[in-house]
């Protein structure tokens, strides 16, 4: 039996299949070789044994409505934040032409405000326990309250996302914003995008954040914003699942900061920028920890958990 082989060059997906912090690049050319065996030719005797085709039964064909139906496959992924789940609807989430790589809704009111109201996000906020909705290019991250249970929240969220995708309705709309304020987080320009006014150091920082750190954060259901570079400190803002994760400070220092300081000598540290509400929450958390420490005694070790870092960003 004769055999032959041919070589097919396949390019991997743009999304990294491994952590972008490894030395090897996430995208590479892969060569695969397939071996096929040539099947023997049917002789006349074998041809006589082959079943004869039967006339088609018109009733056996599916109706036009059934033929037009399609199967929706929505995948869910856990994130390092136990209160956040990542949903991949296999469908574009953000509208075409949006300058920002993400949108984040932190309240039910923001889902109706311009410039990017979202009917799906409004329905998700009606689910008891949902506290925020984050849209990436091809994924949706839903964050719940710490006292809510995924066993109750997840089925409702899954059903709403499935309904939105199957109906074909626009997940995010774009309307005119007559006020200077934006109802959604991340509606402006991409903070890691190229700016001709950036200096050399800022340009290198943005490049590292874009190519090495953002893919890891997006894989964890979040994103990152560059807020500035002042006196050697890089100012960053984490979004999505990473915004409210408990393993924050340790990962920030061991991940983003160590890598930026390794490649760019002008960087002396990384600071997480907190919104006003987050600062209040951090102060309340610090007071609570101090109260616990006094109850346990002077030798108690303070907790390292807070709400301000990223995950899986080891250099």
Protein backbone atom coordinates (compact mmCIF):
# COMPACT_ATOMS: atom_id res chain seq x y z
CA UNK A 1 0.00 0.00 0.00
CA UNK A 2 1.51 3.27 -1.12
CA UNK A 3 1.63 6.31 1.12
CA UNK A 4 2.51 9.95 0.65
CA UNK A 5 2.84 13.02 2.83
CA UNK A 6 2.52 16.76 2.47
CA UNK A 7 3.42 19.71 4.69
CA UNK A 8 0.91 22.32 5.78
CA UNK A 9 2.02 25.55 7.46
CA UNK A 10 -0.46 26.75 10.07
CA UNK A 11 -0.37 30.11 11.85
CA UNK A 12 -1.51 30.12 15.44
CA UNK A 13 -4.17 32.47 16.74
CA UNK A 14 -3.25 35.99 17.72
CA UNK A 15 -4.40 35.33 21.28
CA UNK A 16 -1.42 33.90 23.20
CA UNK A 17 -1.71 30.25 24.10
CA UNK A 18 0.93 30.60 26.82
CA UNK A 19 1.69 33.23 29.33
CA UNK A 20 3.16 36.26 27.57
CA UNK A 21 5.84 36.58 30.22
CA UNK A 22 7.71 33.54 28.97
CA UNK A 23 10.79 34.29 26.84
CA UNK A 24 9.33 32.49 23.88
CA UNK A 25 6.89 34.63 21.92
CA UNK A 26 3.19 33.82 22.03
CA UNK A 27 2.87 33.68 18.25
CA UNK A 28 4.94 31.34 16.17
CA UNK A 29 4.72 29.36 12.97
CA UNK A 30 3.90 25.71 13.43
CA UNK A 31 4.64 23.05 10.85
CA UNK A 32 2.62 19.87 10.85
CA UNK A 33 3.05 16.84 8.64
CA UNK A 34 0.10 14.62 7.82
CA UNK A 35 0.50 11.06 6.49
CA UNK A 36 -2.23 9.54 4.41
CA UNK A 37 -2.59 6.01 3.06
CA UNK A 38 -3.88 5.58 -0.46
CA UNK A 39 -7.08 3.53 -0.35
CA UNK A 40 -7.42 0.53 -2.72
CA UNK A 41 -9.52 1.10 -5.80
CA UNK A 42 -12.93 -0.53 -5.80
CA UNK A 43 -13.20 -3.41 -8.26
CA UNK A 44 -16.36 -4.27 -10.11
CA UNK A 45 -17.20 -7.00 -7.56
CA UNK A 46 -16.86 -4.54 -4.68
CA UNK A 47 -18.86 -2.01 -6.57
CA UNK A 48 -21.76 -4.43 -6.77
CA UNK A 49 -21.72 -4.73 -2.96
CA UNK A 50 -22.07 -1.00 -2.45
CA UNK A 51 -25.60 0.06 -1.36
CA UNK A 52 -27.68 1.80 -3.94
CA UNK A 53 -28.75 5.35 -3.16
CA UNK A 54 -32.40 5.64 -2.19
CA UNK A 55 -34.59 8.44 -3.48
CA UNK A 56 -34.71 11.40 -1.12
CA UNK A 57 -37.77 11.74 1.07
CA UNK A 58 -38.96 15.36 1.08
CA UNK A 59 -40.42 14.87 4.57
CA UNK A 60 -37.02 13.87 5.89
CA UNK A 61 -35.49 17.28 5.16
CA UNK A 62 -35.62 19.85 7.94
CA UNK A 63 -37.98 22.76 7.64
CA UNK A 64 -36.52 26.15 6.62
CA UNK A 65 -36.88 27.38 10.21
CA UNK A 66 -34.87 24.44 11.51
CA UNK A 67 -32.30 24.80 8.76
CA UNK A 68 -31.68 28.42 9.72
CA UNK A 69 -31.20 27.63 13.40
CA UNK A 70 -27.65 27.58 14.78
CA UNK A 71 -26.01 26.28 17.86
CA UNK A 72 -24.62 28.81 20.33
CA UNK A 73 -21.65 27.67 22.36
CA UNK A 74 -20.86 29.88 25.36
CA UNK A 75 -17.81 28.97 27.40
CA UNK A 76 -17.23 30.03 30.99
CA UNK A 77 -13.84 30.40 32.65
CA UNK A 78 -12.94 30.91 36.27
CA UNK A 79 -10.75 33.87 37.16
CA UNK A 80 -8.35 34.37 40.09
CA UNK A 81 -11.11 36.50 41.58
CA UNK A 82 -13.63 34.11 43.16
CA UNK A 83 -16.36 36.74 42.75
CA UNK A 84 -15.86 37.14 38.98
CA UNK A 85 -16.64 34.79 36.09
CA UNK A 86 -15.55 35.16 32.48
CA UNK A 87 -18.05 34.29 29.70
CA UNK A 88 -16.91 33.73 26.10
CA UNK A 89 -19.97 33.87 23.80
CA UNK A 90 -18.03 33.13 20.59
CA UNK A 91 -19.45 36.40 19.30
CA UNK A 92 -18.08 39.96 19.05
CA UNK A 93 -18.99 41.95 22.15
CA UNK A 94 -17.71 45.48 21.56
CA UNK A 95 -19.05 47.54 18.64
CA UNK A 96 -16.92 47.97 15.55
CA UNK A 97 -14.80 51.09 15.56
CA UNK A 98 -14.65 51.53 19.33
CA UNK A 99 -11.33 53.13 20.23
CA UNK A 100 -11.13 51.53 23.67
CA UNK A 101 -10.42 47.78 24.09
CA UNK A 102 -12.98 47.48 26.90
CA UNK A 103 -16.09 48.93 28.54
CA UNK A 104 -16.95 48.60 32.22
CA UNK A 105 -20.33 49.20 33.83
CA UNK A 106 -20.18 49.75 37.59
CA UNK A 107 -23.84 50.60 38.21
CA UNK A 108 -27.24 49.99 36.69
CA UNK A 109 -27.46 53.68 35.80
CA UNK A 110 -24.30 53.49 33.69
CA UNK A 111 -25.90 50.84 31.44
CA UNK A 112 -28.41 53.44 30.21
CA UNK A 113 -26.09 56.46 30.00
CA UNK A 114 -24.33 57.65 26.84
CA UNK A 115 -22.18 57.17 24.92
CA UNK A 116 -22.40 53.35 25.04
CA UNK A 117 -25.58 52.08 26.72
CA UNK A 118 -25.97 48.31 26.84
CA UNK A 119 -29.33 46.50 27.02
CA UNK A 120 -27.59 43.28 28.03
CA UNK A 121 -25.67 44.94 30.87
CA UNK A 122 -28.92 46.50 32.10
CA UNK A 123 -30.54 43.05 32.26
CA UNK A 124 -27.50 41.58 33.99
CA UNK A 125 -27.70 44.22 36.72
CA UNK A 126 -31.26 43.07 37.39
CA UNK A 127 -29.84 39.73 38.51
CA UNK A 128 -29.66 39.70 42.28
CA UNK A 129 -26.01 39.88 43.38
CA UNK A 130 -24.39 41.31 40.22
CA UNK A 131 -22.20 44.33 41.03
CA UNK A 132 -20.35 45.06 37.76
CA UNK A 133 -20.24 44.04 34.10
CA UNK A 134 -17.06 44.22 32.03
CA UNK A 135 -16.90 43.89 28.22
CA UNK A 136 -13.74 42.86 26.41
CA UNK A 137 -13.42 42.40 22.67
CA UNK A 138 -14.73 38.83 22.78
CA UNK A 139 -15.60 38.15 26.40
CA UNK A 140 -17.88 39.31 29.23
CA UNK A 141 -16.80 39.35 32.87
CA UNK A 142 -19.53 39.47 35.50
CA UNK A 143 -18.65 40.29 39.12
CA UNK A 144 -20.96 39.45 41.98
CA UNK A 145 -21.21 40.50 45.61
CA UNK A 146 -19.18 38.43 48.05
CA UNK A 147 -22.30 37.20 49.84
CA UNK A 148 -24.01 36.03 46.63
CA UNK A 149 -23.72 32.43 45.41
CA UNK A 150 -22.71 31.49 41.86
CA UNK A 151 -25.18 28.61 41.99
CA UNK A 152 -27.95 31.23 41.87
CA UNK A 153 -26.28 33.96 39.79
CA UNK A 154 -24.56 31.94 37.04
CA UNK A 155 -27.67 30.29 35.46
CA UNK A 156 -29.46 33.63 35.11
CA UNK A 157 -26.37 35.35 33.65
CA UNK A 158 -25.81 32.47 31.24
CA UNK A 159 -29.43 32.59 30.11
CA UNK A 160 -29.36 36.36 29.48
CA UNK A 161 -26.13 36.21 27.47
CA UNK A 162 -27.45 33.29 25.40
CA UNK A 163 -30.68 35.17 24.69
CA UNK A 164 -28.80 38.30 23.63
CA UNK A 165 -26.52 36.41 21.25
CA UNK A 166 -29.22 34.24 19.68
CA UNK A 167 -31.61 37.15 19.15
CA UNK A 168 -28.97 39.08 17.24
CA UNK A 169 -29.56 42.26 19.24
CA UNK A 170 -26.74 44.77 19.62
CA UNK A 171 -24.90 44.14 22.87
CA UNK A 172 -23.53 47.70 23.01
CA UNK A 173 -25.17 50.71 21.38
CA UNK A 174 -23.52 53.99 20.49
CA UNK A 175 -25.44 57.23 21.04
CA UNK A 176 -24.50 60.90 21.03
CA UNK A 177 -23.07 62.13 24.30
CA UNK A 178 -24.06 65.76 24.81
CA UNK A 179 -22.41 66.00 28.22
CA UNK A 180 -18.70 65.94 29.00
CA UNK A 181 -19.08 63.00 31.39
CA UNK A 182 -19.06 59.38 30.29
CA UNK A 183 -21.42 56.84 31.80
CA UNK A 184 -19.02 53.94 31.24
CA UNK A 185 -15.43 53.30 32.24
CA UNK A 186 -13.01 52.97 29.33
CA UNK A 187 -15.14 54.76 26.75
CA UNK A 188 -12.33 57.10 25.75
CA UNK A 189 -9.16 56.38 23.78
CA UNK A 190 -6.99 53.39 24.58
CA UNK A 191 -4.51 54.57 27.20
CA UNK A 192 -1.85 52.21 25.83
CA UNK A 193 -2.23 53.48 22.28
CA UNK A 194 0.49 55.36 20.44
CA UNK A 195 0.79 59.06 21.17
CA UNK A 196 3.29 61.18 19.31
CA UNK A 197 3.68 63.39 22.37
CA UNK A 198 4.95 60.53 24.54
CA UNK A 199 8.61 60.50 25.52
CA UNK A 200 10.93 57.55 24.98
CA UNK A 201 10.46 56.11 28.47
CA UNK A 202 6.66 56.36 28.35
CA UNK A 203 6.68 54.74 24.92
CA UNK A 204 8.69 51.77 26.23
CA UNK A 205 6.39 51.43 29.25
CA UNK A 206 3.31 51.36 27.02
CA UNK A 207 4.89 48.79 24.71
CA UNK A 208 5.69 46.43 27.58
CA UNK A 209 2.24 46.85 29.08
CA UNK A 210 0.59 46.24 25.71
CA UNK A 211 2.61 43.21 24.63
CA UNK A 212 3.55 41.46 27.87
CA UNK A 213 1.02 42.38 30.56
CA UNK A 214 -2.32 43.20 28.92
CA UNK A 215 -2.76 39.71 27.33
CA UNK A 216 -2.35 38.05 30.74
CA UNK A 217 -4.85 40.41 32.39
CA UNK A 218 -7.36 39.95 29.56
CA UNK A 219 -7.05 36.21 29.95
CA UNK A 220 -8.03 36.71 33.59
CA UNK A 221 -11.13 38.65 32.56
CA UNK A 222 -9.84 42.21 32.97
CA UNK A 223 -7.73 44.94 31.42
CA UNK A 224 -5.27 47.67 32.36
CA UNK A 225 -5.09 51.45 31.97
CA UNK A 226 -1.97 53.61 31.90
CA UNK A 227 -2.56 56.73 34.00
CA UNK A 228 0.87 58.36 33.80
CA UNK A 229 4.54 58.26 34.73
CA UNK A 230 5.56 60.60 37.57
CA UNK A 231 8.85 60.76 39.47
CA UNK A 232 9.81 57.24 38.44
CA UNK A 233 6.43 55.74 39.39
CA UNK A 234 4.15 54.14 36.81
CA UNK A 235 0.49 54.88 37.55
CA UNK A 236 -1.85 52.05 36.55
CA UNK A 237 -5.55 51.27 36.85
CA UNK A 238 -6.81 47.67 36.75
CA UNK A 239 -10.23 46.81 35.39
CA UNK A 240 -12.67 43.91 35.28
CA UNK A 241 -12.02 40.86 37.42
CA UNK A 242 -8.62 42.23 38.47
CA UNK A 243 -10.14 45.41 39.92
CA UNK A 244 -11.67 43.68 42.95
CA UNK A 245 -9.33 40.75 43.43
CA UNK A 246 -8.02 39.99 46.92
CA UNK A 247 -4.51 38.99 45.83
CA UNK A 248 -3.54 42.49 44.81
CA UNK A 249 -0.46 44.11 46.29
CA UNK A 250 1.79 41.07 46.28
CA UNK A 251 1.08 40.28 42.61
CA UNK A 252 1.46 43.90 41.57
CA UNK A 253 4.91 44.14 43.15
CA UNK A 254 6.12 40.70 42.02
CA UNK A 255 4.63 40.97 38.55
CA UNK A 256 4.26 44.29 36.78
CA UNK A 257 6.69 46.31 38.89
CA UNK A 258 9.53 43.78 38.78
CA UNK A 259 9.26 43.39 35.03
CA UNK A 260 9.12 47.12 34.26
CA UNK A 261 12.06 47.83 36.58
CA UNK A 262 14.03 45.01 34.96
CA UNK A 263 13.66 46.32 31.40
CA UNK A 264 13.43 50.09 32.04
CA UNK A 265 15.94 51.52 34.49
CA UNK A 266 14.02 54.80 34.83
CA UNK A 267 11.09 52.96 36.48
CA UNK A 268 11.36 52.98 40.27
CA UNK A 269 7.96 51.57 41.17
CA UNK A 270 4.34 50.95 40.20
CA UNK A 271 1.32 52.54 41.90
CA UNK A 272 -2.25 51.37 41.59
CA UNK A 273 -4.64 54.29 41.03
CA UNK A 274 -7.83 54.00 43.04
CA UNK A 275 -11.15 55.69 42.41
CA UNK A 276 -12.82 57.65 45.18
CA UNK A 277 -15.14 54.78 46.09
CA UNK A 278 -12.24 52.34 46.13
CA UNK A 279 -10.21 54.62 48.38
CA UNK A 280 -13.09 54.75 50.87
CA UNK A 281 -13.38 50.96 50.74
CA UNK A 282 -9.63 50.60 51.31
CA UNK A 283 -9.74 52.90 54.33
CA UNK A 284 -12.65 50.95 55.81
CA UNK A 285 -10.80 47.72 55.16
CA UNK A 286 -7.69 49.07 56.90
CA UNK A 287 -9.77 50.09 59.93
CA UNK A 288 -11.33 46.63 60.03
CA UNK A 289 -7.92 44.94 59.90
CA UNK A 290 -6.60 47.17 62.64
CA UNK A 291 -9.57 46.26 64.81
CA UNK A 292 -8.94 42.55 64.20
CA UNK A 293 -5.25 42.99 64.97
CA UNK A 294 -6.03 44.61 68.32
CA UNK A 295 -8.42 41.79 69.16
CA UNK A 296 -5.87 39.10 68.28
CA UNK A 297 -2.99 40.79 70.03
CA UNK A 298 0.16 42.76 69.09
CA UNK A 299 1.86 39.71 67.53
CA UNK A 300 -0.86 39.16 64.93
CA UNK A 301 0.26 39.27 61.28
CA UNK A 302 -1.76 41.71 59.15
CA UNK A 303 -3.52 40.37 56.07
CA UNK A 304 -2.12 41.22 52.65
CA UNK A 305 -5.43 41.14 50.84
CA UNK A 306 -6.88 44.31 49.35
CA UNK A 307 -8.56 45.37 46.14
CA UNK A 308 -5.86 46.68 43.85
CA UNK A 309 -3.83 44.31 41.70
CA UNK A 310 -3.51 41.93 38.88
CA UNK A 311 -3.01 38.22 38.54
CA UNK A 312 -0.65 35.86 36.75
CA UNK A 313 1.77 38.61 35.81
CA UNK A 314 4.96 36.99 37.01
CA UNK A 315 7.94 38.10 34.95
